[in-house]
Amino acid sequence: MGLLPFLLIAATLSLHAATLEDAARDLTRRMAPSLSPREPLTLSVQTLVGHSIADIQIVRRVFTQALGNRLRLPADQRSSISVTLSQNPQSHLLIVELRGTDDSSSVWMATFETASNEGTANPAVQLERRLLRQQDARLLDLVQTPKGLLTLDGREIALHSQNPVRRLETFALPENTPQSRDLRGRLVVENSTFTAFLPGLTCRGMLDPQWRVSCDTVSTPFLIAPEVMAGFVLQRNFFQHDRFGYVFSVAVIDGQYVIAPAAAKPKLLDSDFQPLAILPTLGSDFAAACGNALLTVTNSTTLQVLQLHERQLRPASDPIDLPGVITALWPSTEPDTFLAITKDTTYAAHLVTARCSR
């Protein structure tokens, strides 16, 4: 019997996992007792339908970590592990086949949930994107002001005109500014003043009547969501909050809190901060949109709006692809507008607008 007919028979026997990564890890554990000690293995990963290159990369990373230095290049006299991403009418499937040198075969499978590539026939939200700026330096945040584009990168705060494009003002960050691989920073503008927040550094400045900036070596809390104040953790890319602890993101929707803890899966909390549900398909980078939904990074290059319904997240928009890896997602100055920073050959800032059905 071939593999695919077998799947139709055995699908009801498969293990269910919350995410693709969880399914892959569960299958490596279930497969482990069937592997001979120190036996060299080959690994192949394929998708039949409905999954992206990013999904393949997730699976390959998990299996490579689990198998370690046992992996070899394909050869006739080696056992092989074939991993296939597929789906049936009820769920997404991850199937592992171990084929021995004697042509024996063992198969394991798991079903899993995904929100990353789901669309909807009649999306409630339309997403639009407009490029604001590109630059070589690492871009952390950007705000449109009456004076021009205010930018924060890993080295400076600068003000730029758009037509023509040129630098108007600049302020070099202190040389001892703490740096990290995944540095995050936030700009907040109020009238003619602004504040730049970074891990271990807070800079305050004026746009009018004269450009002026000064900095203090301290992580100052700021508003990361309505009534939620938190500050960056030194040499880390997450926040510290009095109630939530270490978190990557916080959003408030329908009076409830959605948080992405630094060391746990995202969760939904009620207005008294009591847990209501785990949100296993949600990533760590998101912002509130359209009242009861989230604009979220669903894989490294894709944005999608997910709507909260009965403590579960469902797609409310078609996903949109951005030209590069998304390194930051911030609410912008107008309702249901957002700033997405991407990195490809250069850094780029995009204004993303959610057109909500009211």
Protein backbone atom coordinates (compact mmCIF):
# COMPACT_ATOMS: atom_id res chain seq x y z
CA MET A 1 0.00 0.00 0.00
CA GLY A 2 1.37 3.45 -0.89
CA LEU A 3 1.80 6.20 1.67
CA LEU A 4 -1.13 8.44 0.65
CA PRO A 5 -3.84 5.71 0.69
CA PHE A 6 -2.48 4.70 4.08
CA LEU A 7 -2.97 8.27 5.32
CA LEU A 8 -6.65 8.24 4.49
CA ILE A 9 -7.12 5.11 6.59
CA ALA A 10 -4.87 6.10 9.49
CA ALA A 11 -5.69 9.81 9.84
CA THR A 12 -8.01 9.17 12.78
CA LEU A 13 -5.11 7.51 14.62
CA SER A 14 -2.80 10.50 14.36
CA LEU A 15 -1.68 12.69 17.23
CA HIS A 16 -3.06 16.23 17.32
CA ALA A 17 -0.69 19.12 18.01
CA ALA A 18 -1.33 22.82 18.44
CA THR A 19 1.24 24.05 15.90
CA LEU A 20 3.41 22.71 13.10
CA GLU A 21 6.52 23.01 15.27
CA ASP A 22 4.82 21.10 18.13
CA ALA A 23 3.79 18.38 15.68
CA ALA A 24 7.34 18.06 14.36
CA ARG A 25 8.80 17.80 17.86
CA ASP A 26 6.20 15.21 18.89
CA LEU A 27 7.01 13.09 15.85
CA THR A 28 10.77 13.16 16.48
CA ARG A 29 10.08 11.86 20.00
CA ARG A 30 7.74 9.13 18.76
CA MET A 31 10.19 8.07 16.07
CA ALA A 32 13.27 7.99 18.34
CA PRO A 33 12.78 4.45 19.81
CA SER A 34 12.76 3.00 16.28
CA LEU A 35 16.17 4.43 15.38
CA SER A 36 19.31 2.35 15.82
CA PRO A 37 22.02 4.01 17.94
CA ARG A 38 24.45 6.08 15.85
CA GLU A 39 22.85 4.89 12.62
CA PRO A 40 23.55 7.35 9.75
CA LEU A 41 20.35 8.79 8.27
CA THR A 42 19.20 10.90 5.35
CA LEU A 43 16.40 13.47 5.63
CA SER A 44 14.01 14.86 3.03
CA VAL A 45 11.11 17.28 3.56
CA GLN A 46 8.38 17.98 1.02
CA THR A 47 4.94 19.58 0.85
CA LEU A 48 2.07 18.22 -1.23
CA VAL A 49 -0.40 21.10 -0.95
CA GLY A 50 -1.25 24.18 1.11
CA HIS A 51 2.07 24.87 2.86
CA SER A 52 4.86 27.38 2.36
CA ILE A 53 8.63 27.31 2.16
CA ALA A 54 8.63 28.75 5.70
CA ASP A 55 6.71 25.66 6.90
CA ILE A 56 9.27 23.37 5.28
CA GLN A 57 12.06 25.30 7.00
CA ILE A 58 10.37 24.87 10.40
CA VAL A 59 10.12 21.10 9.92
CA ARG A 60 13.67 20.75 8.64
CA ARG A 61 15.05 22.77 11.57
CA VAL A 62 13.26 20.64 14.19
CA PHE A 63 14.33 17.31 12.65
CA THR A 64 17.90 18.50 12.07
CA GLN A 65 18.18 19.54 15.72
CA ALA A 66 16.78 16.19 16.88
CA LEU A 67 18.97 14.01 14.61
CA GLY A 68 22.15 16.06 14.94
CA ASN A 69 25.36 14.64 13.47
CA ARG A 70 23.64 11.43 12.36
CA LEU A 71 22.46 13.12 9.17
CA ARG A 72 24.36 12.27 6.01
CA LEU A 73 24.06 12.88 2.28
CA PRO A 74 21.71 10.46 0.47
CA ALA A 75 23.19 7.04 -0.34
CA ASP A 76 21.82 3.62 -1.30
CA GLN A 77 22.84 1.86 1.92
CA ARG A 78 21.43 4.34 4.44
CA SER A 79 18.12 4.49 6.24
CA SER A 80 16.02 7.45 5.18
CA ILE A 81 13.50 9.72 6.88
CA SER A 82 10.91 11.34 4.62
CA VAL A 83 8.73 14.09 6.07
CA THR A 84 5.64 15.24 4.18
CA LEU A 85 3.34 18.20 4.84
CA SER A 86 -0.17 17.61 3.58
CA GLN A 87 -3.80 18.15 4.49
CA ASN A 88 -7.15 16.41 4.32
CA PRO A 89 -10.64 18.00 4.48
CA GLN A 90 -10.48 18.09 8.28
CA SER A 91 -6.95 19.16 9.19
CA HIS A 92 -3.31 19.77 8.27
CA LEU A 93 -1.08 16.70 8.37
CA LEU A 94 2.60 16.02 9.08
CA ILE A 95 3.72 12.53 8.11
CA VAL A 96 7.06 10.85 8.82
CA GLU A 97 8.18 7.67 7.07
CA LEU A 98 11.28 5.79 8.25
CA ARG A 99 12.58 3.42 5.60
CA GLY A 100 15.34 1.01 6.58
CA THR A 101 18.14 -0.41 4.47
CA ASP A 102 16.16 -3.67 4.34
CA ASP A 103 13.24 -1.77 2.73
CA SER A 104 11.16 -1.98 5.92
CA SER A 105 8.91 1.03 6.56
CA SER A 106 7.34 2.69 9.61
CA VAL A 107 4.98 5.67 9.47
CA TRP A 108 3.95 8.23 12.11
CA MET A 109 1.69 11.21 11.66
CA ALA A 110 0.24 14.19 13.50
CA THR A 111 -2.40 16.75 12.71
CA PHE A 112 -1.83 20.40 13.59
CA GLU A 113 -3.47 23.80 13.45
CA THR A 114 -2.25 26.72 11.39
CA ALA A 115 -3.34 30.29 10.83
CA SER A 116 -0.40 31.33 8.67
CA ASN A 117 -1.78 30.72 5.21
CA GLU A 118 -5.52 30.57 5.70
CA GLY A 119 -7.59 32.97 3.68
CA THR A 120 -11.28 33.62 3.68
CA ALA A 121 -13.74 33.79 0.83
CA ASN A 122 -15.24 37.07 2.09
CA PRO A 123 -12.57 38.77 4.20
CA ALA A 124 -13.91 41.22 6.79
CA VAL A 125 -10.66 43.22 6.63
CA GLN A 126 -8.65 44.40 3.66
CA LEU A 127 -4.94 45.06 4.15
CA GLU A 128 -3.10 47.73 2.16
CA ARG A 129 0.62 48.51 2.16
CA ARG A 130 2.61 51.61 1.16
CA LEU A 131 6.39 51.97 1.20
CA LEU A 132 7.57 54.93 3.28
CA ARG A 133 11.36 54.67 3.31
CA GLN A 134 14.36 52.45 2.53
CA GLN A 135 17.83 52.69 4.05
CA ASP A 136 20.97 50.63 4.62
CA ALA A 137 21.22 51.21 8.39
CA ARG A 138 19.20 49.01 10.73
CA LEU A 139 15.80 50.70 10.99
CA LEU A 140 13.92 50.33 14.27
CA ASP A 141 10.99 52.76 14.00
CA LEU A 142 9.66 55.62 11.89
CA VAL A 143 7.04 58.29 12.50
CA GLN A 144 5.53 60.70 9.96
CA THR A 145 5.52 64.24 11.36
CA PRO A 146 4.64 67.65 9.85
CA LYS A 147 8.39 68.33 9.68
CA GLY A 148 9.22 65.09 7.83
CA LEU A 149 10.01 61.45 8.55
CA LEU A 150 11.53 60.87 11.99
CA THR A 151 13.61 57.68 12.10
CA LEU A 152 15.32 55.64 14.79
CA ASP A 153 18.01 53.15 13.87
CA GLY A 154 20.81 51.41 15.72
CA ARG A 155 23.11 54.43 15.43
CA GLU A 156 21.08 57.64 15.32
CA ILE A 157 17.83 59.58 15.40
CA ALA A 158 17.26 61.55 12.21
CA LEU A 159 14.71 63.77 10.49
CA HIS A 160 14.25 63.46 6.72
CA SER A 161 12.31 65.43 4.13
CA GLN A 162 10.38 63.38 1.56
CA ASN A 163 10.28 65.66 -1.46
CA PRO A 164 13.10 65.95 -2.17
CA VAL A 165 14.48 63.08 -0.06
CA ARG A 166 17.26 64.44 2.12
CA ARG A 167 18.40 64.44 5.71
CA LEU A 168 17.39 67.54 7.64
CA GLU A 169 18.64 66.81 11.16
CA THR A 170 20.55 64.03 12.92
CA PHE A 171 21.60 63.00 16.40
CA ALA A 172 24.16 60.24 16.98
CA LEU A 173 23.28 57.85 19.80
CA PRO A 174 25.91 57.54 22.57
CA GLU A 175 28.73 55.16 21.67
CA ASN A 176 27.99 53.05 24.76
CA THR A 177 24.36 52.45 23.69
CA PRO A 178 23.61 48.77 24.50
CA GLN A 179 23.30 46.67 21.34
CA SER A 180 21.78 43.27 20.74
CA ARG A 181 21.29 41.04 17.71
CA ASP A 182 17.52 41.66 17.65
CA LEU A 183 17.56 45.26 18.84
CA ARG A 184 14.15 46.93 19.16
CA GLY A 185 13.37 50.61 19.58
CA ARG A 186 10.29 52.81 19.67
CA LEU A 187 9.58 56.43 18.75
CA VAL A 188 6.72 58.35 20.36
CA VAL A 189 5.87 61.82 19.03
CA GLU A 190 3.61 64.33 20.79
CA ASN A 191 3.13 67.69 19.10
CA SER A 192 6.65 69.07 18.57
CA THR A 193 8.41 66.76 21.05
CA PHE A 194 9.49 63.14 20.74
CA THR A 195 10.94 60.32 22.83
CA ALA A 196 13.05 57.40 21.64
CA PHE A 197 12.94 54.26 23.78
CA LEU A 198 15.66 51.60 23.55
CA PRO A 199 16.96 48.92 25.93
CA GLY A 200 19.03 50.84 28.47
CA LEU A 201 18.56 54.24 26.78
CA THR A 202 15.88 56.95 26.63
CA CYS A 203 16.28 60.00 24.39
CA ARG A 204 14.03 63.07 24.44
CA GLY A 205 13.99 65.70 21.75
CA MET A 206 12.26 68.64 20.11
CA LEU A 207 11.35 69.21 16.46
CA ASP A 208 10.32 72.85 16.95
CA PRO A 209 11.35 75.58 17.36
CA GLN A 210 14.87 74.10 17.22
CA TRP A 211 16.15 70.52 16.84
CA ARG A 212 17.46 69.32 20.18
CA VAL A 213 18.04 65.84 21.65
CA SER A 214 19.42 64.52 24.95
CA CYS A 215 19.68 60.96 26.29
CA ASP A 216 19.74 59.13 29.64
CA THR A 217 21.10 55.62 30.13
CA VAL A 218 17.90 54.14 31.52
CA SER A 219 15.08 51.94 30.18
CA THR A 220 11.94 54.03 30.61
CA PRO A 221 8.49 52.38 30.49
CA PHE A 222 6.14 53.60 27.78
CA LEU A 223 2.64 52.80 26.53
CA ILE A 224 2.85 49.54 24.53
CA ALA A 225 -0.96 49.05 24.57
CA PRO A 226 -3.88 51.01 26.06
CA GLU A 227 -3.19 51.40 29.80
CA VAL A 228 -0.21 49.02 29.53
CA MET A 229 3.16 50.57 30.43
CA ALA A 230 6.32 48.50 29.97
CA GLY A 231 10.01 49.05 29.28
CA PHE A 232 12.62 47.24 27.22
CA VAL A 233 14.84 44.75 29.04
CA LEU A 234 18.56 45.53 28.76
CA GLN A 235 20.28 43.55 25.95
CA ARG A 236 17.02 41.75 25.15
CA ASN A 237 14.25 42.27 22.58
CA PHE A 238 11.28 42.00 24.93
CA PHE A 239 9.52 44.12 27.56
CA GLN A 240 9.12 43.84 31.31
CA HIS A 241 5.66 44.52 32.76
CA ASP A 242 4.61 44.51 36.43
CA ARG A 243 1.81 41.97 35.91
CA PHE A 244 2.71 40.15 32.70
CA GLY A 245 6.42 39.70 33.37
CA TYR A 246 8.65 39.39 30.28
CA VAL A 247 6.60 39.77 27.08
CA PHE A 248 7.22 40.35 23.38
CA SER A 249 3.81 41.91 22.66
CA VAL A 250 0.60 42.98 24.40
CA ALA A 251 -2.72 43.93 22.80
CA VAL A 252 -6.10 44.88 24.26
CA ILE A 253 -9.16 43.67 22.33
CA ASP A 254 -12.75 43.67 23.62
CA GLY A 255 -11.47 44.62 27.07
CA GLN A 256 -9.29 41.51 27.23
CA TYR A 257 -5.52 41.17 27.06
CA VAL A 258 -3.58 39.16 24.52
CA ILE A 259 0.02 38.67 25.60
CA ALA A 260 3.04 36.92 24.11
CA PRO A 261 5.23 35.86 27.06
CA ALA A 262 8.96 35.54 26.42
CA ALA A 263 9.01 31.93 27.68
CA ALA A 264 5.50 30.59 26.98
CA LYS A 265 2.82 30.43 24.32
CA PRO A 266 0.60 33.48 23.70
CA LYS A 267 -2.50 33.61 25.85
CA LEU A 268 -5.76 35.46 26.36
CA LEU A 269 -6.46 37.08 29.75
CA ASP A 270 -9.64 38.65 31.07
CA SER A 271 -9.91 42.24 32.37
CA ASP A 272 -8.73 41.02 35.80
CA PHE A 273 -5.62 39.44 34.23
CA GLN A 274 -6.93 35.90 34.74
CA PRO A 275 -6.10 33.38 31.99
CA LEU A 276 -8.93 32.47 29.62
CA ALA A 277 -7.22 30.52 26.84
CA ILE A 278 -3.94 29.57 25.22
CA LEU A 279 -3.57 30.86 21.65
CA PRO A 280 -1.12 28.32 20.20
CA THR A 281 -1.30 29.44 16.55
CA LEU A 282 -0.46 33.07 17.37
CA GLY A 283 3.07 34.36 16.92
CA SER A 284 4.93 36.75 19.22
CA ASP A 285 4.58 39.95 17.17
CA PHE A 286 1.09 41.49 16.87
CA ALA A 287 -1.01 44.61 17.47
CA ALA A 288 -4.71 45.25 18.06
CA ALA A 289 -6.78 46.00 14.94
CA CYS A 290 -10.42 46.66 14.09
CA GLY A 291 -11.65 46.46 17.67
CA ASN A 292 -11.65 42.70 18.24
CA ALA A 293 -8.83 41.48 16.02
CA LEU A 294 -5.05 41.33 15.76
CA LEU A 295 -2.69 42.21 12.95
CA THR A 296 -0.02 39.57 13.35
CA VAL A 297 3.18 38.32 11.74
CA THR A 298 2.08 34.84 10.65
CA ASN A 299 5.45 33.85 9.26
CA SER A 300 8.65 35.77 8.73
CA THR A 301 7.41 37.71 5.68
CA THR A 302 3.60 37.69 5.97
CA LEU A 303 0.97 39.75 7.79
CA GLN A 304 -2.63 38.73 8.44
CA VAL A 305 -5.56 39.93 10.55
CA LEU A 306 -6.93 37.31 12.96
CA GLN A 307 -10.27 37.89 14.68
CA LEU A 308 -11.04 36.70 18.21
CA HIS A 309 -14.19 34.56 18.30
CA GLU A 310 -15.17 32.37 21.26
CA ARG A 311 -11.60 32.54 22.58
CA GLN A 312 -10.14 31.36 19.29
CA LEU A 313 -8.45 33.25 16.47
CA ARG A 314 -9.84 33.01 12.96
CA PRO A 315 -8.59 34.65 9.75
CA ALA A 316 -10.36 37.95 9.05
CA SER A 317 -8.20 39.00 6.09
CA ASP A 318 -6.20 37.42 3.34
CA PRO A 319 -2.47 37.36 4.15
CA ILE A 320 -0.19 39.88 2.48
CA ASP A 321 3.47 39.23 1.73
CA LEU A 322 6.08 41.88 2.44
CA PRO A 323 9.39 42.13 0.54
CA GLY A 324 11.71 40.85 3.26
CA VAL A 325 11.79 39.46 6.78
CA ILE A 326 9.57 41.45 9.15
CA THR A 327 11.75 42.74 11.97
CA ALA A 328 9.24 45.03 13.73
CA LEU A 329 5.51 45.73 13.84
CA TRP A 330 4.18 48.82 15.63
CA PRO A 331 0.82 50.61 15.81
CA SER A 332 1.01 53.86 13.86
CA THR A 333 -0.48 57.26 14.70
CA GLU A 334 -3.90 56.77 13.08
CA PRO A 335 -6.44 54.07 14.11
CA ASP A 336 -5.94 50.72 12.37
CA THR A 337 -2.67 51.79 10.77
CA PHE A 338 0.64 50.11 11.48
CA LEU A 339 4.32 50.39 10.72
CA ALA A 340 6.06 47.24 9.52
CA ILE A 341 9.86 47.18 9.21
CA THR A 342 11.40 44.64 6.83
CA LYS A 343 14.94 43.55 6.07
CA ASP A 344 16.04 42.31 2.66
CA THR A 345 19.01 43.83 0.85
CA THR A 346 18.06 47.03 2.71
CA TYR A 347 15.77 47.95 5.58
CA ALA A 348 12.35 49.32 4.63
CA ALA A 349 9.43 50.91 6.47
CA HIS A 350 5.89 50.17 5.25
CA LEU A 351 2.62 51.79 6.28
CA VAL A 352 0.02 49.01 6.61
CA THR A 353 -3.65 50.00 6.75
CA ALA A 354 -6.46 47.66 7.87
CA ARG A 355 -9.74 48.54 6.12
CA CYS A 356 -12.25 47.20 8.62
CA SER A 357 -15.88 46.27 7.95
CA ARG A 358 -17.89 48.08 10.60
